[in-house]
Each structure stands twice: as structure tokens, then as C-alpha cells.
């Protein structure tokens, strides 16, 4: 694989399947993140998860041994809230989601409401009901724009794969006849939000993840180089098929996080030597 264009100054790093699986750290994740800190590489943990606040995500990572602060975390809920607030500051928003989404909306100065919303935003909601679906469809069909935090149809759990925000979204789309504005990976909207938070341009930033259809495609959508790590969904026996299905290529394919750390060290060393 090629070395990619541009100087590496920042990373947008996926979480589930890349740094951990389930509740366990993938070997080498802790050393990799510590190396980023030592080398002063800017980074964000970019997750399609809209259910948890950055503080909760950081607490989980630290509990697994992966160094993290809330400001290191970029969620699809934060990106959705920023997208809405930029266009309609202080808007009344009907939200289908969990604590992370509600907190993000409120922190962006938006007003979660049940009735007469200006927009509908929907993420994962593990307490989803027919009544919630009916209310959301009524608002959307009444003209409220529909925002979807992320398109993931399935999520990993301790009991196998379970329906994700995209599965709820499929129901709302079918019932309302309205296509949502999608925020999370692979949409460029959430990626641009993450780049703005990093303060870097796409040609200075690499995306690291295990899922070609979300992580690598997200990098492609904004012009970032990418590393596919074979630590989660992608593995040695399926990554070519997954990349072809996602219609994208990764600049690097790396087996594990120990080798990822070595790759990063080599690349940063070459950059310093070329100055």
C-alpha cells in the first residue's frame, strides 16, 4: 500500500473494533495512545455511538486501560447537535435517543421538546416504543427536518449483534417517506466536525479504523488518508472483500496495534528527518 499524501499531524481514531472489543482493550491500544501523547500528535476518538456522553466514553476507556479524557472523544451526538445549532441556533428539537444525545443537544443550546419541534433528531434508543415512532413520524410528516445521528444497522453487544440507530431509522424512513440527513460515519458531515475540532485539514489527518464501510469510507468522503487495522470487523481473510464492498481503499493495511505503533513511529521519524 502507498504511504498517503501529506504530512501526518493528526488522527481520527475509531473505538469499537479498533481500540477495544466488547469491554476489553485490544492489545497495544494503551501503548499506541501513550505514543500519540509523547509525540504530540493531535487525535480524537471518533465514535458513531450517540448514547453515551464523552465523559462516560472516556471513563470506559480508562477502565480498560486506555488513556482518555472527555475532550478526546467526538460522538455522533455532538456532531448532530453542532450541525443543528449552526443552522438553527436554539431550535426546538424532538429527540429519540439516550443520555448522550440529550446532553449534546442541551450543551449546544438546543431545546429538547416533545411537541411542536422544529427538527427531529434520532439516534440509538434502547427504550424505543411504537409511541415514540408514531410521534416522530407525525413530526417528520408535518415538515420537521429529520436528522439521523448514525446509520449503523447493527451494534455489537455481550449477546451478539443487536439493532442500531440505523435500524430505527429504517422504520422512520419507511413510515414518513423522508430521507434523513445522516451525520455519523461514513457521512462527511461528522468528519468535517471532527476535523474542525482537531484544527487540521484533511491532507494532514489520517483515519484509523477496522470497518471499511464506515471508517475508511468516512476518510475517503473528506479526503483523509486511512489505515485499516485488522483488529475487529476486518481480518486477514475478509478485508479485501470488505474494501471492495465499500468501494474504497485504505492507504495502509496493518495487522495489529503493536505494528500500528511501529508504523506511526517510522512515519513521524521520516517527517522529522525531511524537514
Foldseek 3Di string as FASTA:
>chain_A
DAPAFAAAQEEAEEDDLAQADALAGFPQQQVLQVVCVVVVRHYAHEYQDQADQLQVVQVSCVVNVHHDDSLRYAYLLLLQLVVCCVVPNQFEEAEAYHDSNVVSNVVSNYHDDQPDGLAYEYWFHPVDDPVSLVSNLVVVLVPRAYEYSAQDQWDQHPVGIDGTRNVSVVVSCVSNVDDHHYQAFLDLSVVVVRCVSSVHAQSNYEYEEAALQGGVSNSVNRVHAYEHECRGPHHPVCNVVRNVVNVGDHNYYHHGNVVVSVVVVVSVVVVVVVD
